[in-house]
Protein backbone atom coordinates (compact mmCIF):
# COMPACT_ATOMS: atom_id res chain seq x y z
CA UNK A 1 0.03 0.17 0.00
CA UNK A 2 1.15 3.46 -0.91
CA UNK A 3 -0.17 6.64 0.44
CA UNK A 4 -3.31 4.46 1.66
CA UNK A 5 -3.69 3.42 -2.17
CA UNK A 6 -3.25 -0.32 -2.77
CA UNK A 7 -0.61 -1.23 -5.19
CA UNK A 8 -1.89 -3.12 -8.36
CA UNK A 9 0.70 -5.73 -9.14
CA UNK A 10 0.84 -7.59 -12.69
CA UNK A 11 2.66 -10.66 -13.67
CA UNK A 12 5.03 -10.72 -16.57
CA UNK A 13 3.62 -11.83 -19.92
CA UNK A 14 6.36 -14.23 -19.93
CA UNK A 15 5.20 -16.13 -16.82
CA UNK A 16 5.12 -19.87 -17.36
CA UNK A 17 1.95 -20.30 -15.25
CA UNK A 18 3.65 -22.05 -12.72
CA UNK A 19 3.98 -19.13 -10.39
CA UNK A 20 7.69 -18.85 -10.79
CA UNK A 21 7.71 -15.12 -11.60
CA UNK A 22 7.91 -11.64 -10.26
CA UNK A 23 5.01 -9.18 -10.14
CA UNK A 24 5.49 -5.54 -10.54
CA UNK A 25 3.34 -2.54 -9.60
CA UNK A 26 4.25 1.05 -10.91
CA UNK A 27 3.35 4.44 -9.55
CA UNK A 28 4.35 7.77 -10.78
CA UNK A 29 7.54 7.74 -8.87
CA UNK A 30 8.56 4.10 -8.13
CA UNK A 31 8.40 0.53 -9.26
CA UNK A 32 7.55 -2.25 -6.64
CA UNK A 33 8.56 -5.93 -7.17
CA UNK A 34 7.53 -9.08 -5.29
CA UNK A 35 7.71 -12.90 -5.63
CA UNK A 36 4.44 -14.09 -7.13
CA UNK A 37 4.63 -17.10 -4.71
CA UNK A 38 4.70 -15.01 -1.53
CA UNK A 39 2.51 -11.91 -2.26
CA UNK A 40 2.58 -10.96 1.38
CA UNK A 41 6.26 -11.27 1.73
CA UNK A 42 8.91 -8.58 1.19
CA UNK A 43 8.51 -5.88 -1.69
CA UNK A 44 11.44 -4.28 -3.30
CA UNK A 45 11.19 -0.68 -4.53
CA UNK A 46 12.96 0.92 -7.22
CA UNK A 47 13.13 4.69 -7.92
CA UNK A 48 11.86 6.23 -11.17
CA UNK A 49 12.89 4.31 -14.32
CA UNK A 50 15.44 1.99 -12.66
CA UNK A 51 13.29 -1.19 -12.91
CA UNK A 52 12.46 -0.43 -16.55
CA UNK A 53 16.25 0.37 -17.32
CA UNK A 54 17.11 -3.06 -15.55
CA UNK A 55 14.78 -4.93 -17.54
CA UNK A 56 15.96 -3.37 -20.86
CA UNK A 57 19.38 -4.47 -19.98
CA UNK A 58 18.29 -8.07 -19.37
CA UNK A 59 16.71 -7.89 -22.81
CA UNK A 60 19.85 -6.55 -24.44
CA UNK A 61 21.72 -9.45 -22.71
CA UNK A 62 24.05 -7.05 -20.75
CA UNK A 63 24.30 -9.49 -17.90
CA UNK A 64 25.25 -12.51 -19.94
CA UNK A 65 21.91 -14.36 -19.44
């Protein structure tokens, strides 16, 4: 919850349907990421466009994966 507003999480379109993925919720200032298997567990927050930049770097194979 952010400022008394619930975060709306979405699963990746690449999710394999097995529950082995992350979920992301975006606000105007941050992205929040959690494990889909434990939605009540820890949530990571990333400022501004940091999460999007990370995802783009993965797509561009900048991490060797």
